[in-house]
Amino acid sequence: MKAIRIITLHGGQGLTAQISNYGAKVLSLVVPDNQGVAKDVVLGFKTMEEWQQKETYFNAIIGRYANRIKDGRFTLDGKTYQLPINNGTNSLHGGVHGFNEKVWNIVGQTRYSVSLHYRAADGEEGYPGNLDVYVTYTLTKDNALSIQYEAKTDQPTILGFTNHAYFNLAGEGSGTVHNHILQIFADNYTPFDDTACPTGEILPVEGTPMDFRQPTRVGDRVDDPFFAPGRGIDNNWVLRKTMNDKKEAQLAAVVEADGRKMEVWTTMPGLQVYTGNWVEQNEGKSGAMYNVQHAICLEAQSFPDSPNHPNFPNTVLRPGEVYYEKTLYRFVTK
């Protein structure tokens, strides 16, 4: 078995990150506030054993398909594929043993970046095609954690990646994210059925609790009856696309708390916001207990269940094509 390693990245303006090749996870992300006080703003654990046994999606790269696929089933080129069911009646985050549990290969490293590779075999978790995935984490000069995704396949397949970072801008272990101020640059969303899978509709956020077009305190919305089925926010927004070049990252969301402001820039079509609604009584890396709504995840990704909705953005990759997407979490001193 490949050795599990931890790489420390150093950026400008006091930004540092620890990345592991286990699950391609962000183990820590230390960010100064507007007074220069640095704190780790992602939840996590003290030991690698805990990273493997506890909340296994924490800060990991999710694949082969992030989010839910209805009934774990999709049809591609006339053939129906059945995936493992691991979330109610659906398949979630790549199946029972997704990319978040794999030991990746380290294929490049500098003081400020690391590149990781994983080959998902044909038939792994039910997905077709041998898929080569490359993820590069970079701490940029403009104070961002950049995540770049590339992939190639030898058979037609579906795919959709994300990073599942659990953020708390007041510092991990500091309690709920209710005082975080969130703004999402989206005019529409994808409503869900009773299994938390999209109905296929795309509806306007206006007049609904999904309207975060203006900066909004998370605590003023998170327990709204609209979000009750998920015990908090766990929904997908349809991001605005104002640029002709799909591969140019656009501003998707802004969140701020305790003197730290984070912008989410991405080429992805959707943003799943999740407020850690099922994280209960887990001791974190600093000894504090993590609980419900102690984090906010801003998962730039393809829409959930896209393979089953022709009106959603394409998630099919074919031989000879190169999948390329990127997301940046950029920190702005207030």
C-alpha atoms as a PDB file:
ATOM      1  CA  MET A   1       0.000   0.000   0.000  1.00  0.00           C
ATOM      2  CA  LYS A   2       1.195   3.489  -0.807  1.00  0.00           C
ATOM      3  CA  ALA A   3       2.461   5.552   2.108  1.00  0.00           C
ATOM      4  CA  ILE A   4       0.203   8.291   3.455  1.00  0.00           C
ATOM      5  CA  ARG A   5       2.001  11.627   3.349  1.00  0.00           C
ATOM      6  CA  ILE A   6       1.349  15.186   4.519  1.00  0.00           C
ATOM      7  CA  ILE A   7       2.644  18.156   2.515  1.00  0.00           C
ATOM      8  CA  THR A   8       2.788  21.683   3.912  1.00  0.00           C
ATOM      9  CA  LEU A   9       2.227  24.544   1.464  1.00  0.00           C
ATOM     10  CA  HIS A  10       3.292  28.144   2.080  1.00  0.00           C
ATOM     11  CA  GLY A  11       1.608  31.111   0.422  1.00  0.00           C
ATOM     12  CA  GLY A  12       1.920  34.855   0.649  1.00  0.00           C
ATOM     13  CA  GLN A  13       0.291  36.969   3.346  1.00  0.00           C
ATOM     14  CA  GLY A  14       0.528  34.250   6.011  1.00  0.00           C
ATOM     15  CA  LEU A  15      -1.564  31.581   4.292  1.00  0.00           C
ATOM     16  CA  THR A  16      -0.480  27.981   4.927  1.00  0.00           C
ATOM     17  CA  ALA A  17      -2.095  24.640   4.148  1.00  0.00           C
ATOM     18  CA  GLN A  18      -1.489  20.992   4.890  1.00  0.00           C
ATOM     19  CA  ILE A  19      -2.521  18.546   2.165  1.00  0.00           C
ATOM     20  CA  SER A  20      -2.545  14.759   2.480  1.00  0.00           C
ATOM     21  CA  ASN A  21      -2.481  12.244  -0.330  1.00  0.00           C
ATOM     22  CA  TYR A  22      -5.058  10.291   1.685  1.00  0.00           C
ATOM     23  CA  GLY A  23      -8.313  11.373   0.043  1.00  0.00           C
ATOM     24  CA  ALA A  24      -6.446  14.389  -1.389  1.00  0.00           C
ATOM     25  CA  LYS A  25      -7.642  16.124   1.777  1.00  0.00           C
ATOM     26  CA  VAL A  26      -6.954  19.609   3.103  1.00  0.00           C
ATOM     27  CA  LEU A  27      -5.899  18.812   6.670  1.00  0.00           C
ATOM     28  CA  SER A  28      -5.486  22.450   7.670  1.00  0.00           C
ATOM     29  CA  LEU A  29      -5.805  25.932   6.178  1.00  0.00           C
ATOM     30  CA  VAL A  30      -4.386  28.697   8.347  1.00  0.00           C
ATOM     31  CA  VAL A  31      -5.599  32.209   7.491  1.00  0.00           C
ATOM     32  CA  PRO A  32      -4.859  35.532   9.244  1.00  0.00           C
ATOM     33  CA  ASP A  33      -7.743  37.874  10.110  1.00  0.00           C
ATOM     34  CA  ASN A  34      -7.716  41.659   9.615  1.00  0.00           C
ATOM     35  CA  GLN A  35      -5.609  42.017  12.781  1.00  0.00           C
ATOM     36  CA  GLY A  36      -3.072  39.467  11.605  1.00  0.00           C
ATOM     37  CA  VAL A  37      -4.309  36.763  13.982  1.00  0.00           C
ATOM     38  CA  ALA A  38      -4.011  33.420  12.185  1.00  0.00           C
ATOM     39  CA  LYS A  39      -6.435  30.542  12.712  1.00  0.00           C
ATOM     40  CA  ASP A  40      -7.105  27.202  11.064  1.00  0.00           C
ATOM     41  CA  VAL A  41     -10.422  27.668   9.234  1.00  0.00           C
ATOM     42  CA  VAL A  42     -11.215  24.042   8.287  1.00  0.00           C
ATOM     43  CA  LEU A  43     -12.502  21.355  10.619  1.00  0.00           C
ATOM     44  CA  GLY A  44     -10.446  18.220  11.076  1.00  0.00           C
ATOM     45  CA  PHE A  45      -8.750  15.733  13.376  1.00  0.00           C
ATOM     46  CA  LYS A  46      -5.499  15.204  15.289  1.00  0.00           C
ATOM     47  CA  THR A  47      -4.442  11.835  13.892  1.00  0.00           C
ATOM     48  CA  MET A  48      -4.550  10.145  10.497  1.00  0.00           C
ATOM     49  CA  GLU A  49      -6.453   7.267  12.097  1.00  0.00           C
ATOM     50  CA  GLU A  50      -9.230   9.709  12.995  1.00  0.00           C
ATOM     51  CA  TRP A  51      -9.188  11.153   9.472  1.00  0.00           C
ATOM     52  CA  GLN A  52      -9.769   7.619   8.181  1.00  0.00           C
ATOM     53  CA  GLN A  53     -12.414   6.557  10.693  1.00  0.00           C
ATOM     54  CA  LYS A  54     -14.480   9.659  11.469  1.00  0.00           C
ATOM     55  CA  GLU A  55     -16.141  12.142   9.092  1.00  0.00           C
ATOM     56  CA  THR A  56     -14.583  10.659   5.969  1.00  0.00           C
ATOM     57  CA  TYR A  57     -15.726  13.404   3.585  1.00  0.00           C
ATOM     58  CA  PHE A  58     -14.045  16.186   5.620  1.00  0.00           C
ATOM     59  CA  ASN A  59     -12.078  18.439   3.228  1.00  0.00           C
ATOM     60  CA  ALA A  60     -11.625  15.623   0.674  1.00  0.00           C
ATOM     61  CA  ILE A  61     -11.779  15.447  -3.088  1.00  0.00           C
ATOM     62  CA  ILE A  62     -15.104  13.781  -3.908  1.00  0.00           C
ATOM     63  CA  GLY A  63     -15.524  11.504  -6.934  1.00  0.00           C
ATOM     64  CA  ARG A  64     -16.161   9.851  -9.269  1.00  0.00           C
ATOM     65  CA  TYR A  65     -19.408  11.813  -8.945  1.00  0.00           C
ATOM     66  CA  ALA A  66     -20.010  14.326  -6.162  1.00  0.00           C
ATOM     67  CA  ASN A  67     -23.464  14.594  -4.585  1.00  0.00           C
ATOM     68  CA  ARG A  68     -26.410  12.285  -5.249  1.00  0.00           C
ATOM     69  CA  ILE A  69     -27.442  10.117  -8.162  1.00  0.00           C
ATOM     70  CA  LYS A  70     -31.089   9.102  -8.020  1.00  0.00           C
ATOM     71  CA  ASP A  71     -31.561   5.410  -7.159  1.00  0.00           C
ATOM     72  CA  GLY A  72     -27.859   4.977  -7.943  1.00  0.00           C
ATOM     73  CA  ARG A  73     -28.756   4.543 -11.607  1.00  0.00           C
ATOM     74  CA  PHE A  74     -27.978   6.293 -14.881  1.00  0.00           C
ATOM     75  CA  THR A  75     -28.017   5.448 -18.592  1.00  0.00           C
ATOM     76  CA  LEU A  76     -25.137   6.265 -20.926  1.00  0.00           C
ATOM     77  CA  ASP A  77     -25.143   5.489 -24.664  1.00  0.00           C
ATOM     78  CA  GLY A  78     -28.104   3.146 -24.186  1.00  0.00           C
ATOM     79  CA  LYS A  79     -26.578   1.130 -21.339  1.00  0.00           C
ATOM     80  CA  THR A  80     -27.869   1.397 -17.755  1.00  0.00           C
ATOM     81  CA  TYR A  81     -25.377   1.357 -14.888  1.00  0.00           C
ATOM     82  CA  GLN A  82     -26.184   0.545 -11.259  1.00  0.00           C
ATOM     83  CA  LEU A  83     -24.114   2.203  -8.528  1.00  0.00           C
ATOM     84  CA  PRO A  84     -23.946   1.310  -4.826  1.00  0.00           C
ATOM     85  CA  ILE A  85     -26.765   2.749  -2.702  1.00  0.00           C
ATOM     86  CA  ASN A  86     -25.253   4.510   0.324  1.00  0.00           C
ATOM     87  CA  ASN A  87     -27.586   7.422   1.110  1.00  0.00           C
ATOM     88  CA  GLY A  88     -31.227   6.470   1.581  1.00  0.00           C
ATOM     89  CA  THR A  89     -32.254   5.213  -1.852  1.00  0.00           C
ATOM     90  CA  ASN A  90     -29.490   7.101  -3.681  1.00  0.00           C
ATOM     91  CA  SER A  91     -25.786   6.856  -4.430  1.00  0.00           C
ATOM     92  CA  LEU A  92     -23.785   9.642  -2.772  1.00  0.00           C
ATOM     93  CA  HIS A  93     -20.287  11.046  -3.342  1.00  0.00           C
ATOM     94  CA  GLY A  94     -18.983   8.281  -5.583  1.00  0.00           C
ATOM     95  CA  GLY A  95     -20.314   5.303  -3.670  1.00  0.00           C
ATOM     96  CA  VAL A  96     -19.250   3.278  -0.656  1.00  0.00           C
ATOM     97  CA  HIS A  97     -15.517   3.807  -1.212  1.00  0.00           C
ATOM     98  CA  GLY A  98     -15.083   7.056  -3.127  1.00  0.00           C
ATOM     99  CA  PHE A  99     -12.008   9.106  -3.974  1.00  0.00           C
ATOM    100  CA  ASN A 100     -12.093  10.509  -0.416  1.00  0.00           C
ATOM    101  CA  GLU A 101     -10.827   7.125   0.878  1.00  0.00           C
ATOM    102  CA  LYS A 102      -8.103   6.517  -1.708  1.00  0.00           C
ATOM    103  CA  VAL A 103      -4.358   7.045  -1.284  1.00  0.00           C
ATOM    104  CA  TRP A 104      -3.357   9.251  -4.214  1.00  0.00           C
ATOM    105  CA  ASN A 105       0.037   9.474  -5.921  1.00  0.00           C
ATOM    106  CA  ILE A 106       2.030  12.673  -5.444  1.00  0.00           C
ATOM    107  CA  VAL A 107       3.228  13.633  -8.929  1.00  0.00           C
ATOM    108  CA  GLY A 108       4.508  17.187  -8.390  1.00  0.00           C
ATOM    109  CA  GLN A 109       5.429  19.438  -5.499  1.00  0.00           C
ATOM    110  CA  THR A 110       6.772  22.934  -4.832  1.00  0.00           C
ATOM    111  CA  ARG A 111       6.813  25.187  -1.778  1.00  0.00           C
ATOM    112  CA  TYR A 112       3.339  26.477  -2.696  1.00  0.00           C
ATOM    113  CA  SER A 113       1.684  23.660  -4.693  1.00  0.00           C
ATOM    114  CA  VAL A 114       1.178  19.904  -4.860  1.00  0.00           C
ATOM    115  CA  SER A 115      -0.237  17.755  -7.668  1.00  0.00           C
ATOM    116  CA  LEU A 116      -1.945  14.436  -6.985  1.00  0.00           C
ATOM    117  CA  HIS A 117      -3.032  11.605  -9.285  1.00  0.00           C
ATOM    118  CA  TYR A 118      -5.536   8.785  -8.873  1.00  0.00           C
ATOM    119  CA  ARG A 119      -6.561   6.128 -11.397  1.00  0.00           C
ATOM    120  CA  ALA A 120     -10.114   4.891 -10.897  1.00  0.00           C
ATOM    121  CA  ALA A 121     -10.453   1.481 -12.510  1.00  0.00           C
ATOM    122  CA  ASP A 122     -13.167   0.529 -14.968  1.00  0.00           C
ATOM    123  CA  GLY A 123     -16.112  -0.732 -12.900  1.00  0.00           C
ATOM    124  CA  GLU A 124     -14.926   0.826  -9.625  1.00  0.00           C
ATOM    125  CA  GLU A 125     -18.068   1.622  -7.611  1.00  0.00           C
ATOM    126  CA  GLY A 126     -20.054   0.731 -10.733  1.00  0.00           C
ATOM    127  CA  TYR A 127     -18.716   3.493 -13.005  1.00  0.00           C
ATOM    128  CA  PRO A 128     -17.454   2.691 -16.519  1.00  0.00           C
ATOM    129  CA  GLY A 129     -13.992   3.494 -17.849  1.00  0.00           C
ATOM    130  CA  ASN A 130     -10.474   3.733 -16.483  1.00  0.00           C
ATOM    131  CA  LEU A 131     -10.314   7.338 -15.305  1.00  0.00           C
ATOM    132  CA  ASP A 132      -7.074   9.230 -14.639  1.00  0.00           C
ATOM    133  CA  VAL A 133      -7.702  12.172 -12.307  1.00  0.00           C
ATOM    134  CA  TYR A 134      -5.209  14.923 -11.482  1.00  0.00           C
ATOM    135  CA  VAL A 135      -5.815  17.489  -8.738  1.00  0.00           C
ATOM    136  CA  THR A 136      -3.443  20.393  -8.072  1.00  0.00           C
ATOM    137  CA  TYR A 137      -3.628  22.485  -4.904  1.00  0.00           C
ATOM    138  CA  THR A 138      -1.878  25.867  -5.094  1.00  0.00           C
ATOM    139  CA  LEU A 139      -1.561  28.760  -2.648  1.00  0.00           C
ATOM    140  CA  THR A 140      -1.654  31.710  -5.035  1.00  0.00           C
ATOM    141  CA  LYS A 141      -0.020  35.121  -4.835  1.00  0.00           C
ATOM    142  CA  ASP A 142      -3.438  36.749  -4.374  1.00  0.00           C
ATOM    143  CA  ASN A 143      -4.108  34.763  -1.180  1.00  0.00           C
ATOM    144  CA  ALA A 144      -6.228  31.922  -2.504  1.00  0.00           C
ATOM    145  CA  LEU A 145      -6.294  28.171  -2.210  1.00  0.00           C
ATOM    146  CA  SER A 146      -6.681  27.095  -5.839  1.00  0.00           C
ATOM    147  CA  ILE A 147      -7.950  23.612  -6.747  1.00  0.00           C
ATOM    148  CA  GLN A 148      -7.487  22.516 -10.348  1.00  0.00           C
ATOM    149  CA  TYR A 149      -9.064  19.314 -11.689  1.00  0.00           C
ATOM    150  CA  GLU A 150      -8.142  17.422 -14.854  1.00  0.00           C
ATOM    151  CA  ALA A 151      -9.276  13.986 -16.030  1.00  0.00           C
ATOM    152  CA  LYS A 152      -9.094  11.611 -19.000  1.00  0.00           C
ATOM    153  CA  THR A 153     -10.943   8.354 -19.667  1.00  0.00           C
ATOM    154  CA  ASP A 154     -10.609   5.370 -22.002  1.00  0.00           C
ATOM    155  CA  GLN A 155     -14.389   4.780 -22.178  1.00  0.00           C
ATOM    156  CA  PRO A 156     -17.401   7.082 -22.068  1.00  0.00           C
ATOM    157  CA  THR A 157     -18.165   7.821 -18.430  1.00  0.00           C
ATOM    158  CA  ILE A 158     -19.802  10.351 -16.152  1.00  0.00           C
ATOM    159  CA  LEU A 159     -17.905  12.403 -13.619  1.00  0.00           C
ATOM    160  CA  GLY A 160     -18.162  15.419 -11.376  1.00  0.00           C
ATOM    161  CA  PHE A 161     -15.690  16.419  -8.686  1.00  0.00           C
ATOM    162  CA  THR A 162     -15.689  18.782  -5.742  1.00  0.00           C
ATOM    163  CA  ASN A 163     -13.744  19.555  -2.601  1.00  0.00           C
ATOM    164  CA  HIS A 164     -15.798  19.024   0.548  1.00  0.00           C
ATOM    165  CA  ALA A 165     -14.023  21.519   2.826  1.00  0.00           C
ATOM    166  CA  TYR A 166     -15.807  22.214   6.112  1.00  0.00           C
ATOM    167  CA  PHE A 167     -15.128  25.916   6.777  1.00  0.00           C
ATOM    168  CA  ASN A 168     -15.534  27.975   9.918  1.00  0.00           C
ATOM    169  CA  LEU A 169     -13.992  31.391   9.361  1.00  0.00           C
ATOM    170  CA  ALA A 170     -13.983  32.110  13.099  1.00  0.00           C
ATOM    171  CA  GLY A 171     -11.611  29.153  13.407  1.00  0.00           C
ATOM    172  CA  GLU A 172     -12.327  25.434  13.662  1.00  0.00           C
ATOM    173  CA  GLY A 173     -13.864  24.491  16.983  1.00  0.00           C
ATOM    174  CA  SER A 174     -15.388  27.918  17.578  1.00  0.00           C
ATOM    175  CA  GLY A 175     -19.045  26.860  17.471  1.00  0.00           C
ATOM    176  CA  THR A 176     -21.802  27.375  14.939  1.00  0.00           C
ATOM    177  CA  VAL A 177     -21.572  29.293  11.675  1.00  0.00           C
ATOM    178  CA  HIS A 178     -24.797  31.171  12.437  1.00  0.00           C
ATOM    179  CA  ASN A 179     -22.965  34.526  12.496  1.00  0.00           C
ATOM    180  CA  HIS A 180     -21.329  33.942   9.117  1.00  0.00           C
ATOM    181  CA  ILE A 181     -22.587  36.331   6.436  1.00  0.00           C
ATOM    182  CA  LEU A 182     -23.231  34.566   3.131  1.00  0.00           C
ATOM    183  CA  GLN A 183     -23.862  35.900  -0.362  1.00  0.00           C
ATOM    184  CA  ILE A 184     -24.456  33.616  -3.366  1.00  0.00           C
ATOM    185  CA  PHE A 185     -24.352  34.906  -6.934  1.00  0.00           C
ATOM    186  CA  ALA A 186     -27.208  32.782  -8.236  1.00  0.00           C
ATOM    187  CA  ASP A 187     -30.691  33.649  -9.459  1.00  0.00           C
ATOM    188  CA  ASN A 188     -31.949  30.066  -9.667  1.00  0.00           C
ATOM    189  CA  TYR A 189     -31.762  26.744  -7.851  1.00  0.00           C
ATOM    190  CA  THR A 190     -32.597  23.072  -8.407  1.00  0.00           C
ATOM    191  CA  PRO A 191     -35.498  21.972  -6.150  1.00  0.00           C
ATOM    192  CA  PHE A 192     -35.312  18.514  -4.584  1.00  0.00           C
ATOM    193  CA  ASP A 193     -37.715  15.614  -4.142  1.00  0.00           C
ATOM    194  CA  ASP A 194     -38.203  13.811  -0.840  1.00  0.00           C
ATOM    195  CA  THR A 195     -34.957  11.854  -1.349  1.00  0.00           C
ATOM    196  CA  ALA A 196     -32.901  15.087  -1.726  1.00  0.00           C
ATOM    197  CA  CYS A 197     -32.437  14.486  -5.462  1.00  0.00           C
ATOM    198  CA  PRO A 198     -33.341  17.175  -8.022  1.00  0.00           C
ATOM    199  CA  THR A 199     -36.759  17.069  -9.651  1.00  0.00           C
ATOM    200  CA  GLY A 200     -35.214  18.377 -12.878  1.00  0.00           C
ATOM    201  CA  GLU A 201     -36.769  21.817 -12.503  1.00  0.00           C
ATOM    202  CA  ILE A 202     -34.755  25.036 -12.346  1.00  0.00           C
ATOM    203  CA  LEU A 203     -36.622  27.645 -10.308  1.00  0.00           C
ATOM    204  CA  PRO A 204     -35.935  31.275  -9.331  1.00  0.00           C
ATOM    205  CA  VAL A 205     -34.631  31.991  -5.836  1.00  0.00           C
ATOM    206  CA  GLU A 206     -36.678  35.176  -5.611  1.00  0.00           C
ATOM    207  CA  GLY A 207     -39.271  35.035  -2.860  1.00  0.00           C
ATOM    208  CA  THR A 208     -37.782  31.892  -1.319  1.00  0.00           C
ATOM    209  CA  PRO A 209     -35.342  31.201   1.544  1.00  0.00           C
ATOM    210  CA  MET A 210     -32.859  30.255  -1.231  1.00  0.00           C
ATOM    211  CA  ASP A 211     -32.402  33.945  -2.071  1.00  0.00           C
ATOM    212  CA  PHE A 212     -28.910  34.824  -0.847  1.00  0.00           C
ATOM    213  CA  ARG A 213     -28.258  37.406  -3.562  1.00  0.00           C
ATOM    214  CA  GLN A 214     -27.728  39.972  -0.811  1.00  0.00           C
ATOM    215  CA  PRO A 215     -25.391  39.312   2.153  1.00  0.00           C
ATOM    216  CA  THR A 216     -27.449  37.318   4.671  1.00  0.00           C
ATOM    217  CA  ARG A 217     -26.689  36.005   8.149  1.00  0.00           C
ATOM    218  CA  VAL A 218     -26.684  32.203   7.984  1.00  0.00           C
ATOM    219  CA  GLY A 219     -28.426  31.909  11.353  1.00  0.00           C
ATOM    220  CA  ASP A 220     -31.387  33.896  10.025  1.00  0.00           C
ATOM    221  CA  ARG A 221     -32.131  31.185   7.437  1.00  0.00           C
ATOM    222  CA  VAL A 222     -30.561  27.885   8.416  1.00  0.00           C
ATOM    223  CA  ASP A 223     -33.488  26.670  10.552  1.00  0.00           C
ATOM    224  CA  ASP A 224     -36.216  27.889   8.190  1.00  0.00           C
ATOM    225  CA  PRO A 225     -38.852  25.169   7.574  1.00  0.00           C
ATOM    226  CA  PHE A 226     -37.764  25.204   3.916  1.00  0.00           C
ATOM    227  CA  PHE A 227     -34.460  23.617   4.961  1.00  0.00           C
ATOM    228  CA  ALA A 228     -35.916  21.398   7.708  1.00  0.00           C
ATOM    229  CA  PRO A 229     -35.722  18.073   5.808  1.00  0.00           C
ATOM    230  CA  GLY A 230     -31.928  18.420   5.726  1.00  0.00           C
ATOM    231  CA  ARG A 231     -31.607  19.752   9.308  1.00  0.00           C
ATOM    232  CA  GLY A 232     -30.119  22.892   7.781  1.00  0.00           C
ATOM    233  CA  ILE A 233     -28.944  24.098   4.392  1.00  0.00           C
ATOM    234  CA  ASP A 234     -27.976  21.331   1.952  1.00  0.00           C
ATOM    235  CA  ASN A 235     -28.997  22.666  -1.445  1.00  0.00           C
ATOM    236  CA  ASN A 236     -27.694  23.373  -4.947  1.00  0.00           C
ATOM    237  CA  TRP A 237     -27.635  26.827  -6.529  1.00  0.00           C
ATOM    238  CA  VAL A 238     -27.413  27.452 -10.289  1.00  0.00           C
ATOM    239  CA  LEU A 239     -24.514  29.860 -10.654  1.00  0.00           C
ATOM    240  CA  ARG A 240     -24.679  32.805 -13.005  1.00  0.00           C
ATOM    241  CA  LYS A 241     -22.558  32.502 -16.129  1.00  0.00           C
ATOM    242  CA  THR A 242     -21.684  35.936 -17.450  1.00  0.00           C
ATOM    243  CA  MET A 243     -18.470  35.087 -19.312  1.00  0.00           C
ATOM    244  CA  ASN A 244     -18.230  33.470 -22.725  1.00  0.00           C
ATOM    245  CA  ASP A 245     -15.253  31.333 -21.704  1.00  0.00           C
ATOM    246  CA  LYS A 246     -16.562  28.477 -19.545  1.00  0.00           C
ATOM    247  CA  LYS A 247     -13.062  27.847 -18.229  1.00  0.00           C
ATOM    248  CA  GLU A 248     -12.717  31.338 -16.743  1.00  0.00           C
ATOM    249  CA  ALA A 249     -13.510  31.199 -13.020  1.00  0.00           C
ATOM    250  CA  GLN A 250     -16.318  33.469 -11.881  1.00  0.00           C
ATOM    251  CA  LEU A 251     -17.352  34.744  -8.475  1.00  0.00           C
ATOM    252  CA  ALA A 252     -19.862  32.286  -7.015  1.00  0.00           C
ATOM    253  CA  ALA A 253     -20.157  33.256  -3.353  1.00  0.00           C
ATOM    254  CA  VAL A 254     -18.729  35.351  -0.534  1.00  0.00           C
ATOM    255  CA  VAL A 255     -18.757  34.376   3.138  1.00  0.00           C
ATOM    256  CA  GLU A 256     -17.328  36.363   6.041  1.00  0.00           C
ATOM    257  CA  ALA A 257     -16.973  36.130   9.799  1.00  0.00           C
ATOM    258  CA  ASP A 258     -14.603  37.314  12.520  1.00  0.00           C
ATOM    259  CA  GLY A 259     -12.487  39.558  10.330  1.00  0.00           C
ATOM    260  CA  ARG A 260     -12.046  36.992   7.566  1.00  0.00           C
ATOM    261  CA  LYS A 261     -13.705  37.215   4.176  1.00  0.00           C
ATOM    262  CA  MET A 262     -13.593  34.368   1.669  1.00  0.00           C
ATOM    263  CA  GLU A 263     -14.572  34.538  -1.985  1.00  0.00           C
ATOM    264  CA  VAL A 264     -15.429  31.384  -3.937  1.00  0.00           C
ATOM    265  CA  TRP A 265     -14.435  31.538  -7.607  1.00  0.00           C
ATOM    266  CA  THR A 266     -15.176  28.614  -9.913  1.00  0.00           C
ATOM    267  CA  THR A 267     -15.718  27.330 -13.442  1.00  0.00           C
ATOM    268  CA  MET A 268     -18.299  24.835 -12.133  1.00  0.00           C
ATOM    269  CA  PRO A 269     -22.014  25.336 -12.910  1.00  0.00           C
ATOM    270  CA  GLY A 270     -23.378  24.701  -9.410  1.00  0.00           C
ATOM    271  CA  LEU A 271     -22.712  25.455  -5.768  1.00  0.00           C
ATOM    272  CA  GLN A 272     -23.894  23.056  -3.068  1.00  0.00           C
ATOM    273  CA  VAL A 273     -24.016  24.809   0.305  1.00  0.00           C
ATOM    274  CA  TYR A 274     -24.091  22.494   3.319  1.00  0.00           C
ATOM    275  CA  THR A 275     -24.047  23.588   6.943  1.00  0.00           C
ATOM    276  CA  GLY A 276     -22.627  20.427   8.508  1.00  0.00           C
ATOM    277  CA  ASN A 277     -26.080  19.288   9.571  1.00  0.00           C
ATOM    278  CA  TRP A 278     -25.130  15.690  10.401  1.00  0.00           C
ATOM    279  CA  VAL A 279     -21.824  16.293  12.185  1.00  0.00           C
ATOM    280  CA  GLU A 280     -22.521  15.403  15.820  1.00  0.00           C
ATOM    281  CA  GLN A 281     -20.267  15.092  18.868  1.00  0.00           C
ATOM    282  CA  ASN A 282     -16.923  14.714  17.115  1.00  0.00           C
ATOM    283  CA  GLU A 283     -13.793  15.849  18.930  1.00  0.00           C
ATOM    284  CA  GLY A 284     -11.771  18.007  16.564  1.00  0.00           C
ATOM    285  CA  LYS A 285      -8.073  18.677  16.095  1.00  0.00           C
ATOM    286  CA  SER A 286      -7.897  21.327  18.844  1.00  0.00           C
ATOM    287  CA  GLY A 287      -9.948  19.300  21.348  1.00  0.00           C
ATOM    288  CA  ALA A 288     -13.202  21.197  20.822  1.00  0.00           C
ATOM    289  CA  MET A 289     -16.363  19.245  20.052  1.00  0.00           C
ATOM    290  CA  TYR A 290     -17.808  19.647  16.577  1.00  0.00           C
ATOM    291  CA  ASN A 291     -21.570  19.585  16.337  1.00  0.00           C
ATOM    292  CA  VAL A 292     -24.490  20.348  14.038  1.00  0.00           C
ATOM    293  CA  GLN A 293     -24.049  23.548  11.963  1.00  0.00           C
ATOM    294  CA  HIS A 294     -20.476  24.160  13.171  1.00  0.00           C
ATOM    295  CA  ALA A 295     -19.235  24.440   9.574  1.00  0.00           C
ATOM    296  CA  ILE A 296     -20.237  25.637   6.142  1.00  0.00           C
ATOM    297  CA  CYS A 297     -19.284  23.766   2.981  1.00  0.00           C
ATOM    298  CA  LEU A 298     -19.250  25.670  -0.314  1.00  0.00           C
ATOM    299  CA  GLU A 299     -18.966  22.835  -2.801  1.00  0.00           C
ATOM    300  CA  ALA A 300     -18.535  24.067  -6.364  1.00  0.00           C
ATOM    301  CA  GLN A 301     -19.634  21.147  -8.530  1.00  0.00           C
ATOM    302  CA  SER A 302     -21.893  19.795 -11.269  1.00  0.00           C
ATOM    303  CA  PHE A 303     -25.582  19.680 -10.433  1.00  0.00           C
ATOM    304  CA  PRO A 304     -26.698  16.660  -8.396  1.00  0.00           C
ATOM    305  CA  ASP A 305     -28.092  13.794 -10.512  1.00  0.00           C
ATOM    306  CA  SER A 306     -27.140  15.583 -13.760  1.00  0.00           C
ATOM    307  CA  PRO A 307     -26.771  12.304 -15.733  1.00  0.00           C
ATOM    308  CA  ASN A 308     -30.525  11.762 -15.347  1.00  0.00           C
ATOM    309  CA  HIS A 309     -31.577  15.259 -16.459  1.00  0.00           C
ATOM    310  CA  PRO A 310     -30.795  16.218 -20.079  1.00  0.00           C
ATOM    311  CA  ASN A 311     -31.536  19.886 -19.304  1.00  0.00           C
ATOM    312  CA  PHE A 312     -28.690  20.008 -16.736  1.00  0.00           C
ATOM    313  CA  PRO A 313     -25.076  20.758 -17.749  1.00  0.00           C
ATOM    314  CA  ASN A 314     -23.304  17.824 -19.396  1.00  0.00           C
ATOM    315  CA  THR A 315     -21.295  15.487 -17.149  1.00  0.00           C
ATOM    316  CA  VAL A 316     -20.208  12.941 -19.774  1.00  0.00           C
ATOM    317  CA  LEU A 317     -16.510  12.551 -20.588  1.00  0.00           C
ATOM    318  CA  ARG A 318     -15.435  10.618 -23.670  1.00  0.00           C
ATOM    319  CA  PRO A 319     -12.090   9.210 -24.799  1.00  0.00           C
ATOM    320  CA  GLY A 320      -9.919  11.911 -26.345  1.00  0.00           C
ATOM    321  CA  GLU A 321     -11.530  14.673 -24.279  1.00  0.00           C
ATOM    322  CA  VAL A 322      -9.919  16.392 -21.288  1.00  0.00           C
ATOM    323  CA  TYR A 323     -12.023  17.355 -18.284  1.00  0.00           C
ATOM    324  CA  TYR A 324     -10.826  20.641 -16.770  1.00  0.00           C
ATOM    325  CA  GLU A 325     -12.363  22.679 -13.944  1.00  0.00           C
ATOM    326  CA  LYS A 326     -11.045  24.887 -11.172  1.00  0.00           C
ATOM    327  CA  THR A 327     -12.216  26.427  -7.898  1.00  0.00           C
ATOM    328  CA  LEU A 328     -10.476  29.072  -5.794  1.00  0.00           C
ATOM    329  CA  TYR A 329     -11.116  29.985  -2.171  1.00  0.00           C
ATOM    330  CA  ARG A 330      -9.685  33.500  -2.000  1.00  0.00           C
ATOM    331  CA  PHE A 331      -9.181  35.323   1.291  1.00  0.00           C
ATOM    332  CA  VAL A 332      -9.627  39.084   1.483  1.00  0.00           C
ATOM    333  CA  THR A 333      -8.563  41.030   4.555  1.00  0.00           C
ATOM    334  CA  LYS A 334     -11.494  43.181   5.622  1.00  0.00           C
END
